[in-house]
Amino acid sequence: MADLIPIHGGYRNLKSFQTAQVVYDVTVRFVERYVSRFSRTTDQMVQAARSGVQNIAEGSMASATSKKTELKLTQVARASLEELRLDYEDFLRHRGMVQLPPDHPVLVRFKSVRPQNLAQFRQWVHDEYQRQRDCQGQPLTSGQFRESPKSPCESLGYSCLAANGALSLINLACYLLDRQVARLAKDFETEGGFTERLYRIRKEKRDGK
């Protein structure tokens, strides 16, 4: 049956799934701390993050009989994370907080740590906040930012750090999903789907091969 129904469902080993799962856990924690539970944004962000995870898993399972469905659901996951990215960007913009460029030292340090779970993400936020506090020699106010070519110190609050860290994770997940979609599309083009495999196997059996 392996020729007809290939190995499938290994989504837990996908880097895209692992990253999207961290994004989901971080988002649940983020809205609990920084977004009103009465706001529609809370539910929208959590649902978008959840959709990213669930659709990767569902697509992986569906690949047994439908590469087309796997491709479609993977694209849905990618679209959900794009929606979530806009929510984080809106959070920063509406509160007058800075969105850091990818090559900013704070995000360079974040990428070097590459948190694999919520606990590691929270530890990075704490360490980064403490690093800036020690650099400034005084407490920081959430959302503050100061940048001077004469000083290596910035002032970023917890929520600003968390949002920028989440955006970095989302960027990584989207990059991985873009590559995954491209590979799935190529595989579908060259190998076909379940119907093509079924036809090929039946033909080989009929021809006595």
N, C-alpha and C. Protein backbone atom coordinates (compact mmCIF):
# COMPACT_ATOMS: atom_id res chain seq x y z
N MET A 1 0.82 -1.22 0.00
CA MET A 1 0.00 0.00 0.00
C MET A 1 0.85 1.26 0.00
N ALA A 2 2.16 1.10 0.23
CA ALA A 2 3.01 2.29 0.32
C ALA A 2 3.04 3.06 -0.99
N ASP A 3 2.89 2.33 -2.12
CA ASP A 3 2.89 3.01 -3.41
C ASP A 3 1.63 3.83 -3.61
N LEU A 4 0.53 3.36 -3.00
CA LEU A 4 -0.75 4.06 -3.15
C LEU A 4 -0.93 5.13 -2.09
N ILE A 5 -0.67 4.77 -0.84
CA ILE A 5 -0.80 5.71 0.27
C ILE A 5 0.57 5.89 0.91
N PRO A 6 1.27 6.95 0.55
CA PRO A 6 2.64 7.15 1.04
C PRO A 6 2.66 7.48 2.52
N ILE A 7 3.85 7.41 3.09
CA ILE A 7 4.02 7.80 4.49
C ILE A 7 3.56 9.24 4.67
N HIS A 8 2.78 9.49 5.70
CA HIS A 8 2.21 10.82 5.90
C HIS A 8 2.02 11.08 7.39
N GLY A 9 1.66 12.31 7.70
CA GLY A 9 1.34 12.65 9.09
C GLY A 9 2.53 12.98 9.97
N GLY A 10 3.72 13.13 9.38
CA GLY A 10 4.88 13.45 10.21
C GLY A 10 5.05 14.92 10.48
N TYR A 11 3.94 15.61 10.69
CA TYR A 11 3.98 17.07 10.83
C TYR A 11 4.76 17.55 12.04
N ARG A 12 4.82 16.73 13.08
CA ARG A 12 5.55 17.16 14.29
C ARG A 12 7.04 17.32 14.03
N ASN A 13 7.53 16.71 12.98
CA ASN A 13 8.94 16.85 12.64
C ASN A 13 9.22 18.03 11.71
N LEU A 14 8.16 18.68 11.23
CA LEU A 14 8.33 19.81 10.33
C LEU A 14 8.76 21.05 11.11
N LYS A 15 9.79 21.74 10.63
CA LYS A 15 10.24 22.97 11.27
C LYS A 15 9.12 24.03 11.23
N SER A 16 8.35 24.02 10.16
CA SER A 16 7.24 24.98 10.06
C SER A 16 6.23 24.76 11.17
N PHE A 17 5.90 23.50 11.45
CA PHE A 17 4.94 23.18 12.51
C PHE A 17 5.51 23.56 13.87
N GLN A 18 6.75 23.20 14.12
CA GLN A 18 7.37 23.50 15.41
C GLN A 18 7.42 25.00 15.67
N THR A 19 7.76 25.76 14.64
CA THR A 19 7.82 27.22 14.80
C THR A 19 6.43 27.80 14.99
N ALA A 20 5.46 27.33 14.21
CA ALA A 20 4.09 27.82 14.33
C ALA A 20 3.51 27.50 15.71
N GLN A 21 3.90 26.37 16.27
CA GLN A 21 3.42 26.00 17.60
C GLN A 21 3.97 26.95 18.67
N VAL A 22 5.23 27.33 18.53
CA VAL A 22 5.80 28.32 19.46
C VAL A 22 5.08 29.66 19.30
N VAL A 23 4.79 30.05 18.06
CA VAL A 23 4.05 31.28 17.79
C VAL A 23 2.69 31.24 18.49
N TYR A 24 2.01 30.11 18.41
CA TYR A 24 0.70 29.97 19.06
C TYR A 24 0.82 30.13 20.58
N ASP A 25 1.77 29.42 21.18
CA ASP A 25 1.94 29.50 22.64
C ASP A 25 2.30 30.92 23.08
N VAL A 26 3.18 31.55 22.32
CA VAL A 26 3.57 32.93 22.64
C VAL A 26 2.38 33.87 22.51
N THR A 27 1.56 33.67 21.49
CA THR A 27 0.42 34.55 21.26
C THR A 27 -0.62 34.43 22.35
N VAL A 28 -0.89 33.20 22.80
CA VAL A 28 -1.84 33.00 23.91
C VAL A 28 -1.37 33.76 25.14
N ARG A 29 -0.09 33.65 25.44
CA ARG A 29 0.47 34.35 26.60
C ARG A 29 0.46 35.86 26.38
N PHE A 30 0.77 36.28 25.16
CA PHE A 30 0.86 37.71 24.85
C PHE A 30 -0.49 38.40 25.07
N VAL A 31 -1.56 37.84 24.52
CA VAL A 31 -2.87 38.50 24.65
C VAL A 31 -3.37 38.46 26.10
N GLU A 32 -2.98 37.42 26.84
CA GLU A 32 -3.36 37.37 28.26
C GLU A 32 -2.75 38.54 29.02
N ARG A 33 -1.56 38.94 28.65
CA ARG A 33 -0.84 39.98 29.38
C ARG A 33 -1.08 41.39 28.84
N TYR A 34 -1.22 41.52 27.51
CA TYR A 34 -1.15 42.86 26.93
C TYR A 34 -2.38 43.29 26.13
N VAL A 35 -3.35 42.41 25.94
CA VAL A 35 -4.55 42.77 25.19
C VAL A 35 -5.78 42.50 26.06
N SER A 36 -6.72 43.42 26.04
CA SER A 36 -7.92 43.25 26.85
C SER A 36 -8.68 41.99 26.44
N ARG A 37 -9.12 41.22 27.43
CA ARG A 37 -9.86 40.00 27.13
C ARG A 37 -11.24 40.30 26.54
N PHE A 38 -11.67 41.55 26.64
CA PHE A 38 -12.96 41.95 26.06
C PHE A 38 -12.80 42.42 24.61
N SER A 39 -11.56 42.51 24.15
CA SER A 39 -11.31 42.97 22.79
C SER A 39 -11.43 41.81 21.80
N ARG A 40 -12.01 42.09 20.64
CA ARG A 40 -12.11 41.07 19.60
C ARG A 40 -10.72 40.66 19.11
N THR A 41 -9.76 41.57 19.29
CA THR A 41 -8.40 41.28 18.85
C THR A 41 -7.84 40.06 19.55
N THR A 42 -8.18 39.88 20.82
CA THR A 42 -7.70 38.73 21.58
C THR A 42 -8.08 37.43 20.90
N ASP A 43 -9.36 37.29 20.60
CA ASP A 43 -9.84 36.06 19.97
C ASP A 43 -9.28 35.92 18.56
N GLN A 44 -9.19 37.02 17.83
CA GLN A 44 -8.69 36.96 16.46
C GLN A 44 -7.24 36.51 16.41
N MET A 45 -6.42 37.05 17.32
CA MET A 45 -5.01 36.68 17.32
C MET A 45 -4.81 35.22 17.69
N VAL A 46 -5.54 34.78 18.71
CA VAL A 46 -5.41 33.38 19.13
C VAL A 46 -5.90 32.44 18.03
N GLN A 47 -7.01 32.77 17.40
CA GLN A 47 -7.54 31.91 16.35
C GLN A 47 -6.63 31.88 15.12
N ALA A 48 -6.04 33.02 14.78
CA ALA A 48 -5.12 33.05 13.64
C ALA A 48 -3.89 32.20 13.94
N ALA A 49 -3.36 32.31 15.16
CA ALA A 49 -2.19 31.51 15.54
C ALA A 49 -2.54 30.02 15.57
N ARG A 50 -3.71 29.70 16.09
CA ARG A 50 -4.15 28.29 16.14
C ARG A 50 -4.34 27.74 14.73
N SER A 51 -4.90 28.55 13.84
CA SER A 51 -5.12 28.11 12.47
C SER A 51 -3.80 27.76 11.79
N GLY A 52 -2.76 28.54 12.09
CA GLY A 52 -1.46 28.25 11.52
C GLY A 52 -0.98 26.86 11.89
N VAL A 53 -1.15 26.50 13.16
CA VAL A 53 -0.71 25.18 13.64
C VAL A 53 -1.61 24.07 13.10
N GLN A 54 -2.92 24.24 13.26
CA GLN A 54 -3.86 23.17 12.93
C GLN A 54 -3.85 22.82 11.45
N ASN A 55 -3.73 23.82 10.60
CA ASN A 55 -3.80 23.56 9.16
C ASN A 55 -2.54 22.88 8.64
N ILE A 56 -1.40 23.13 9.28
CA ILE A 56 -0.20 22.39 8.91
C ILE A 56 -0.39 20.91 9.24
N ALA A 57 -0.92 20.65 10.44
CA ALA A 57 -1.14 19.27 10.87
C ALA A 57 -2.19 18.59 9.99
N GLU A 58 -3.30 19.25 9.76
CA GLU A 58 -4.36 18.67 8.95
C GLU A 58 -3.89 18.41 7.52
N GLY A 59 -3.13 19.34 6.97
CA GLY A 59 -2.62 19.16 5.62
C GLY A 59 -1.69 17.97 5.53
N SER A 60 -0.85 17.80 6.56
CA SER A 60 0.07 16.66 6.58
C SER A 60 -0.68 15.34 6.60
N MET A 61 -1.74 15.27 7.38
CA MET A 61 -2.53 14.05 7.43
C MET A 61 -3.28 13.81 6.13
N ALA A 62 -3.76 14.88 5.52
CA ALA A 62 -4.53 14.75 4.28
C ALA A 62 -3.67 14.32 3.10
N SER A 63 -2.35 14.47 3.24
CA SER A 63 -1.46 14.14 2.13
C SER A 63 -1.53 12.68 1.74
N ALA A 64 -2.07 11.83 2.62
CA ALA A 64 -2.18 10.41 2.30
C ALA A 64 -2.99 10.18 1.04
N THR A 65 -4.06 10.95 0.87
CA THR A 65 -4.95 10.74 -0.27
C THR A 65 -5.14 11.97 -1.14
N SER A 66 -4.60 13.12 -0.70
CA SER A 66 -4.81 14.32 -1.50
C SER A 66 -3.68 15.32 -1.30
N LYS A 67 -2.76 15.33 -2.24
CA LYS A 67 -1.69 16.33 -2.22
C LYS A 67 -2.27 17.73 -2.44
N LYS A 68 -3.34 17.79 -3.21
CA LYS A 68 -3.98 19.08 -3.47
C LYS A 68 -4.52 19.68 -2.18
N THR A 69 -5.14 18.83 -1.34
CA THR A 69 -5.66 19.32 -0.06
C THR A 69 -4.52 19.74 0.85
N GLU A 70 -3.43 18.97 0.85
CA GLU A 70 -2.28 19.34 1.67
C GLU A 70 -1.74 20.70 1.26
N LEU A 71 -1.64 20.91 -0.04
CA LEU A 71 -1.15 22.19 -0.55
C LEU A 71 -2.07 23.33 -0.14
N LYS A 72 -3.37 23.10 -0.27
CA LYS A 72 -4.35 24.14 0.06
C LYS A 72 -4.30 24.49 1.54
N LEU A 73 -4.25 23.48 2.41
CA LEU A 73 -4.26 23.72 3.85
C LEU A 73 -2.96 24.38 4.31
N THR A 74 -1.86 24.02 3.67
CA THR A 74 -0.59 24.67 4.01
C THR A 74 -0.63 26.14 3.64
N GLN A 75 -1.27 26.46 2.54
CA GLN A 75 -1.43 27.86 2.15
C GLN A 75 -2.36 28.60 3.11
N VAL A 76 -3.37 27.90 3.63
CA VAL A 76 -4.27 28.50 4.63
C VAL A 76 -3.48 28.83 5.89
N ALA A 77 -2.60 27.91 6.30
CA ALA A 77 -1.76 28.15 7.47
C ALA A 77 -0.89 29.39 7.26
N ARG A 78 -0.33 29.50 6.07
CA ARG A 78 0.52 30.66 5.74
C ARG A 78 -0.29 31.96 5.80
N ALA A 79 -1.52 31.93 5.27
CA ALA A 79 -2.38 33.12 5.26
C ALA A 79 -2.77 33.50 6.69
N SER A 80 -3.01 32.52 7.54
CA SER A 80 -3.38 32.80 8.93
C SER A 80 -2.25 33.49 9.67
N LEU A 81 -1.03 33.04 9.43
CA LEU A 81 0.12 33.67 10.10
C LEU A 81 0.38 35.07 9.56
N GLU A 82 0.05 35.29 8.30
CA GLU A 82 0.16 36.64 7.75
C GLU A 82 -0.82 37.57 8.45
N GLU A 83 -2.03 37.09 8.69
CA GLU A 83 -3.03 37.87 9.42
C GLU A 83 -2.54 38.18 10.82
N LEU A 84 -1.94 37.19 11.47
CA LEU A 84 -1.41 37.38 12.82
C LEU A 84 -0.28 38.41 12.82
N ARG A 85 0.56 38.36 11.79
CA ARG A 85 1.64 39.34 11.69
C ARG A 85 1.09 40.77 11.68
N LEU A 86 0.03 40.99 10.93
CA LEU A 86 -0.58 42.31 10.87
C LEU A 86 -1.12 42.74 12.23
N ASP A 87 -1.66 41.80 13.00
CA ASP A 87 -2.17 42.12 14.34
C ASP A 87 -1.05 42.59 15.26
N TYR A 88 0.10 41.92 15.22
CA TYR A 88 1.23 42.35 16.03
C TYR A 88 1.75 43.71 15.58
N GLU A 89 1.80 43.92 14.28
CA GLU A 89 2.25 45.22 13.77
C GLU A 89 1.28 46.32 14.20
N ASP A 90 -0.02 46.03 14.16
CA ASP A 90 -1.01 47.01 14.61
C ASP A 90 -0.85 47.30 16.10
N PHE A 91 -0.57 46.27 16.88
CA PHE A 91 -0.37 46.46 18.32
C PHE A 91 0.74 47.48 18.57
N LEU A 92 1.84 47.32 17.88
CA LEU A 92 2.97 48.24 18.06
C LEU A 92 2.63 49.65 17.56
N ARG A 93 2.02 49.73 16.40
CA ARG A 93 1.73 51.04 15.80
C ARG A 93 0.71 51.82 16.63
N HIS A 94 -0.33 51.17 17.06
CA HIS A 94 -1.38 51.86 17.81
C HIS A 94 -0.90 52.37 19.17
N ARG A 95 0.16 51.78 19.68
CA ARG A 95 0.68 52.19 20.99
C ARG A 95 1.95 53.02 20.88
N GLY A 96 2.28 53.39 19.66
CA GLY A 96 3.46 54.22 19.45
C GLY A 96 4.77 53.53 19.75
N MET A 97 4.77 52.19 19.65
CA MET A 97 5.98 51.42 19.90
C MET A 97 6.71 51.15 18.59
N VAL A 98 7.99 50.90 18.70
CA VAL A 98 8.81 50.70 17.51
C VAL A 98 8.73 49.26 17.03
N GLN A 99 8.70 49.10 15.70
CA GLN A 99 8.86 47.78 15.10
C GLN A 99 10.29 47.69 14.61
N LEU A 100 11.05 46.79 15.19
CA LEU A 100 12.48 46.72 14.92
C LEU A 100 12.76 46.09 13.56
N PRO A 101 13.75 46.60 12.84
CA PRO A 101 14.17 45.97 11.58
C PRO A 101 14.86 44.64 11.88
N PRO A 102 14.86 43.72 10.92
CA PRO A 102 15.42 42.38 11.15
C PRO A 102 16.89 42.38 11.61
N ASP A 103 17.66 43.42 11.18
CA ASP A 103 19.07 43.44 11.53
C ASP A 103 19.36 44.23 12.80
N HIS A 104 18.30 44.61 13.52
CA HIS A 104 18.51 45.33 14.78
C HIS A 104 19.20 44.40 15.77
N PRO A 105 20.14 44.92 16.59
CA PRO A 105 20.87 44.07 17.54
C PRO A 105 19.96 43.24 18.45
N VAL A 106 18.82 43.80 18.86
CA VAL A 106 17.90 43.05 19.72
C VAL A 106 17.41 41.79 19.01
N LEU A 107 17.06 41.91 17.73
CA LEU A 107 16.56 40.76 16.99
C LEU A 107 17.69 39.84 16.55
N VAL A 108 18.86 40.38 16.34
CA VAL A 108 20.02 39.53 16.05
C VAL A 108 20.27 38.61 17.24
N ARG A 109 20.19 39.17 18.45
CA ARG A 109 20.36 38.34 19.65
C ARG A 109 19.22 37.33 19.77
N PHE A 110 18.01 37.76 19.42
CA PHE A 110 16.86 36.86 19.47
C PHE A 110 17.07 35.65 18.55
N LYS A 111 17.55 35.92 17.33
CA LYS A 111 17.76 34.84 16.36
C LYS A 111 18.89 33.91 16.78
N SER A 112 19.86 34.45 17.51
CA SER A 112 20.95 33.60 17.98
C SER A 112 20.47 32.66 19.08
N VAL A 113 19.47 33.12 19.85
CA VAL A 113 18.89 32.28 20.90
C VAL A 113 17.92 31.27 20.30
N ARG A 114 17.11 31.73 19.31
CA ARG A 114 16.09 30.92 18.63
C ARG A 114 15.25 30.13 19.64
N PRO A 115 14.37 30.79 20.40
CA PRO A 115 13.55 30.08 21.40
C PRO A 115 12.76 28.93 20.79
N GLN A 116 12.80 27.79 21.45
CA GLN A 116 12.10 26.60 20.98
C GLN A 116 10.77 26.35 21.67
N ASN A 117 10.48 27.15 22.70
CA ASN A 117 9.22 27.00 23.42
C ASN A 117 8.91 28.30 24.15
N LEU A 118 7.75 28.33 24.79
CA LEU A 118 7.31 29.55 25.48
C LEU A 118 8.26 29.93 26.61
N ALA A 119 8.72 28.95 27.36
CA ALA A 119 9.61 29.25 28.49
C ALA A 119 10.89 29.93 28.01
N GLN A 120 11.46 29.44 26.93
CA GLN A 120 12.68 30.05 26.39
C GLN A 120 12.41 31.44 25.84
N PHE A 121 11.23 31.63 25.24
CA PHE A 121 10.86 32.95 24.74
C PHE A 121 10.74 33.94 25.89
N ARG A 122 10.05 33.55 26.94
CA ARG A 122 9.88 34.43 28.10
C ARG A 122 11.23 34.76 28.74
N GLN A 123 12.13 33.77 28.75
CA GLN A 123 13.45 34.01 29.33
C GLN A 123 14.21 35.03 28.50
N TRP A 124 14.08 34.94 27.16
CA TRP A 124 14.75 35.91 26.30
C TRP A 124 14.21 37.32 26.57
N VAL A 125 12.90 37.48 26.67
CA VAL A 125 12.32 38.79 26.95
C VAL A 125 12.87 39.34 28.26
N HIS A 126 12.88 38.49 29.28
CA HIS A 126 13.38 38.92 30.59
C HIS A 126 14.86 39.32 30.50
N ASP A 127 15.66 38.50 29.85
CA ASP A 127 17.10 38.77 29.76
C ASP A 127 17.37 40.04 28.95
N GLU A 128 16.63 40.22 27.87
CA GLU A 128 16.83 41.40 27.03
C GLU A 128 16.43 42.67 27.77
N TYR A 129 15.32 42.57 28.51
CA TYR A 129 14.86 43.72 29.30
C TYR A 129 15.91 44.07 30.36
N GLN A 130 16.42 43.03 31.04
CA GLN A 130 17.41 43.25 32.08
C GLN A 130 18.70 43.82 31.50
N ARG A 131 19.05 43.35 30.33
CA ARG A 131 20.27 43.84 29.66
C ARG A 131 20.17 45.34 29.41
N GLN A 132 19.01 45.77 28.93
CA GLN A 132 18.83 47.20 28.64
C GLN A 132 18.75 48.01 29.92
N ARG A 133 18.13 47.42 30.93
CA ARG A 133 18.05 48.12 32.21
C ARG A 133 19.44 48.32 32.81
N ASP A 134 20.26 47.30 32.74
CA ASP A 134 21.63 47.42 33.25
C ASP A 134 22.43 48.42 32.44
N CYS A 135 22.15 48.46 31.13
CA CYS A 135 22.87 49.38 30.25
C CYS A 135 22.51 50.83 30.57
N GLN A 136 21.23 51.05 30.84
CA GLN A 136 20.76 52.39 31.13
C GLN A 136 21.02 52.79 32.58
N GLY A 137 21.11 51.78 33.44
CA GLY A 137 21.31 52.08 34.84
C GLY A 137 20.07 52.59 35.53
N GLN A 138 18.89 52.34 34.93
CA GLN A 138 17.65 52.80 35.53
C GLN A 138 16.49 51.96 34.98
N PRO A 139 15.35 51.93 35.70
CA PRO A 139 14.20 51.17 35.22
C PRO A 139 13.69 51.71 33.90
N LEU A 140 13.04 50.85 33.14
CA LEU A 140 12.49 51.23 31.85
C LEU A 140 10.97 51.29 31.91
N THR A 141 10.41 52.10 31.05
CA THR A 141 8.96 52.19 30.93
C THR A 141 8.53 51.43 29.68
N SER A 142 7.47 50.63 29.81
CA SER A 142 7.00 49.82 28.68
C SER A 142 6.73 50.68 27.46
N GLY A 143 7.32 50.28 26.33
CA GLY A 143 7.06 50.97 25.08
C GLY A 143 8.04 52.07 24.76
N GLN A 144 8.92 52.44 25.72
CA GLN A 144 9.89 53.48 25.45
C GLN A 144 10.93 53.01 24.44
N PHE A 145 11.47 53.96 23.72
CA PHE A 145 12.54 53.61 22.77
C PHE A 145 13.44 54.82 22.60
N ARG A 146 14.72 54.58 22.66
CA ARG A 146 15.67 55.65 22.41
C ARG A 146 16.84 55.06 21.61
N GLU A 147 17.23 55.73 20.58
CA GLU A 147 18.33 55.24 19.76
C GLU A 147 19.25 56.41 19.44
N SER A 148 20.52 56.23 19.71
CA SER A 148 21.50 57.26 19.44
C SER A 148 22.76 56.59 18.90
N PRO A 149 23.37 57.14 17.85
CA PRO A 149 24.60 56.54 17.33
C PRO A 149 25.74 56.57 18.33
N LYS A 150 25.62 57.38 19.38
CA LYS A 150 26.66 57.47 20.38
C LYS A 150 26.44 56.49 21.53
N SER A 151 25.29 55.82 21.54
CA SER A 151 24.97 54.93 22.65
C SER A 151 24.43 53.61 22.14
N PRO A 152 24.89 52.46 22.67
CA PRO A 152 24.38 51.15 22.25
C PRO A 152 23.10 50.77 22.97
N CYS A 153 22.62 51.62 23.84
CA CYS A 153 21.47 51.26 24.68
C CYS A 153 20.14 51.67 24.04
N GLU A 154 19.17 50.78 24.10
CA GLU A 154 17.81 51.08 23.71
C GLU A 154 16.92 50.89 24.93
N SER A 155 15.73 51.47 24.89
CA SER A 155 14.77 51.30 25.97
C SER A 155 13.50 50.69 25.41
N LEU A 156 13.34 49.40 25.56
CA LEU A 156 12.18 48.70 25.06
C LEU A 156 11.49 47.99 26.21
N GLY A 157 10.18 48.22 26.36
CA GLY A 157 9.43 47.58 27.42
C GLY A 157 9.14 46.13 27.10
N TYR A 158 8.58 45.43 28.09
CA TYR A 158 8.29 44.00 27.94
C TYR A 158 7.38 43.73 26.74
N SER A 159 6.29 44.49 26.63
CA SER A 159 5.32 44.21 25.56
C SER A 159 5.93 44.47 24.18
N CYS A 160 6.77 45.51 24.09
CA CYS A 160 7.42 45.82 22.82
C CYS A 160 8.40 44.72 22.44
N LEU A 161 9.17 44.24 23.39
CA LEU A 161 10.09 43.15 23.14
C LEU A 161 9.35 41.89 22.73
N ALA A 162 8.27 41.58 23.45
CA ALA A 162 7.50 40.37 23.16
C ALA A 162 6.89 40.42 21.77
N ALA A 163 6.34 41.58 21.39
CA ALA A 163 5.72 41.71 20.08
C ALA A 163 6.75 41.57 18.97
N ASN A 164 7.91 42.19 19.15
CA ASN A 164 8.95 42.09 18.13
C ASN A 164 9.54 40.68 18.05
N GLY A 165 9.65 40.02 19.19
CA GLY A 165 10.10 38.63 19.17
C GLY A 165 9.10 37.73 18.46
N ALA A 166 7.81 37.96 18.74
CA ALA A 166 6.76 37.18 18.07
C ALA A 166 6.79 37.41 16.56
N LEU A 167 6.99 38.65 16.15
CA LEU A 167 7.07 38.95 14.72
C LEU A 167 8.25 38.24 14.06
N SER A 168 9.36 38.15 14.77
CA SER A 168 10.51 37.45 14.22
C SER A 168 10.20 35.97 14.03
N LEU A 169 9.51 35.38 14.99
CA LEU A 169 9.10 33.97 14.87
C LEU A 169 8.12 33.78 13.72
N ILE A 170 7.19 34.71 13.58
CA ILE A 170 6.20 34.62 12.49
C ILE A 170 6.91 34.73 11.14
N ASN A 171 7.88 35.63 11.05
CA ASN A 171 8.63 35.76 9.80
C ASN A 171 9.32 34.45 9.43
N LEU A 172 9.88 33.78 10.44
CA LEU A 172 10.54 32.50 10.20
C LEU A 172 9.53 31.44 9.76
N ALA A 173 8.39 31.38 10.46
CA ALA A 173 7.37 30.40 10.11
C ALA A 173 6.85 30.62 8.69
N CYS A 174 6.65 31.88 8.31
CA CYS A 174 6.17 32.18 6.96
C CYS A 174 7.20 31.80 5.91
N TYR A 175 8.46 32.05 6.21
CA TYR A 175 9.54 31.67 5.28
C TYR A 175 9.55 30.15 5.08
N LEU A 176 9.44 29.41 6.18
CA LEU A 176 9.44 27.95 6.09
C LEU A 176 8.21 27.44 5.33
N LEU A 177 7.06 28.07 5.55
CA LEU A 177 5.85 27.65 4.84
C LEU A 177 5.91 27.99 3.36
N ASP A 178 6.52 29.11 3.02
CA ASP A 178 6.69 29.45 1.61
C ASP A 178 7.52 28.38 0.90
N ARG A 179 8.57 27.93 1.55
CA ARG A 179 9.41 26.87 0.98
C ARG A 179 8.62 25.55 0.90
N GLN A 180 7.83 25.30 1.93
CA GLN A 180 7.04 24.06 1.96
C GLN A 180 6.00 24.05 0.84
N VAL A 181 5.33 25.18 0.64
CA VAL A 181 4.33 25.29 -0.43
C VAL A 181 4.99 25.08 -1.79
N ALA A 182 6.16 25.69 -2.00
CA ALA A 182 6.86 25.54 -3.27
C ALA A 182 7.23 24.08 -3.52
N ARG A 183 7.68 23.40 -2.50
CA ARG A 183 8.03 21.98 -2.65
C ARG A 183 6.81 21.13 -2.94
N LEU A 184 5.72 21.39 -2.22
CA LEU A 184 4.49 20.63 -2.43
C LEU A 184 3.94 20.84 -3.84
N ALA A 185 4.01 22.07 -4.31
CA ALA A 185 3.54 22.36 -5.66
C ALA A 185 4.37 21.63 -6.70
N LYS A 186 5.68 21.59 -6.49
CA LYS A 186 6.56 20.89 -7.43
C LYS A 186 6.29 19.39 -7.40
N ASP A 187 6.12 18.82 -6.20
CA ASP A 187 5.84 17.40 -6.07
C ASP A 187 4.52 17.04 -6.75
N PHE A 188 3.52 17.89 -6.55
CA PHE A 188 2.22 17.63 -7.15
C PHE A 188 2.31 17.68 -8.68
N GLU A 189 3.11 18.60 -9.17
CA GLU A 189 3.25 18.75 -10.62
C GLU A 189 3.96 17.55 -11.25
N THR A 190 4.96 17.02 -10.56
CA THR A 190 5.76 15.95 -11.13
C THR A 190 5.21 14.55 -10.82
N GLU A 191 4.60 14.39 -9.64
CA GLU A 191 4.17 13.07 -9.21
C GLU A 191 2.66 12.87 -9.24
N GLY A 192 1.92 13.96 -9.28
CA GLY A 192 0.46 13.84 -9.25
C GLY A 192 -0.04 13.55 -7.85
N GLY A 193 -1.32 13.20 -7.76
CA GLY A 193 -1.93 12.92 -6.47
C GLY A 193 -2.42 11.50 -6.37
N PHE A 194 -3.39 11.30 -5.48
CA PHE A 194 -3.92 9.96 -5.21
C PHE A 194 -4.53 9.33 -6.46
N THR A 195 -5.28 10.10 -7.22
CA THR A 195 -5.94 9.57 -8.42
C THR A 195 -4.92 9.07 -9.43
N GLU A 196 -3.86 9.84 -9.62
CA GLU A 196 -2.82 9.43 -10.56
C GLU A 196 -2.11 8.16 -10.08
N ARG A 197 -1.83 8.08 -8.78
CA ARG A 197 -1.17 6.89 -8.24
C ARG A 197 -2.07 5.67 -8.38
N LEU A 198 -3.37 5.84 -8.09
CA LEU A 198 -4.32 4.74 -8.21
C LEU A 198 -4.39 4.24 -9.64
N TYR A 199 -4.45 5.15 -10.58
CA TYR A 199 -4.51 4.77 -12.00
C TYR A 199 -3.25 4.02 -12.40
N ARG A 200 -2.08 4.51 -11.95
CA ARG A 200 -0.83 3.88 -12.31
C ARG A 200 -0.73 2.47 -11.76
N ILE A 201 -1.14 2.28 -10.50
CA ILE A 201 -1.07 0.96 -9.87
C ILE A 201 -2.04 -0.01 -10.53
N ARG A 202 -3.24 0.45 -10.82
CA ARG A 202 -4.22 -0.42 -11.46
C ARG A 202 -3.76 -0.82 -12.86
N LYS A 203 -3.15 0.12 -13.56
CA LYS A 203 -2.64 -0.17 -14.90
C LYS A 203 -1.52 -1.19 -14.85
N GLU A 204 -0.60 -1.04 -13.87
CA GLU A 204 0.49 -1.97 -13.74
C GLU A 204 -0.02 -3.37 -13.38
N LYS A 205 -1.04 -3.42 -12.54
CA LYS A 205 -1.63 -4.71 -12.17
C LYS A 205 -2.32 -5.36 -13.37
N ARG A 206 -3.03 -4.55 -14.14
CA ARG A 206 -3.72 -5.06 -15.32
C ARG A 206 -2.74 -5.56 -16.37
N ASP A 207 -1.60 -4.89 -16.46
CA ASP A 207 -0.58 -5.27 -17.44
C ASP A 207 0.32 -6.39 -16.95
N GLY A 208 0.07 -6.79 -15.71
CA GLY A 208 0.84 -7.90 -15.15
C GLY A 208 2.23 -7.56 -14.72
N LYS A 209 2.46 -6.30 -14.44
CA LYS A 209 3.79 -5.87 -14.00
C LYS A 209 3.96 -6.06 -12.50
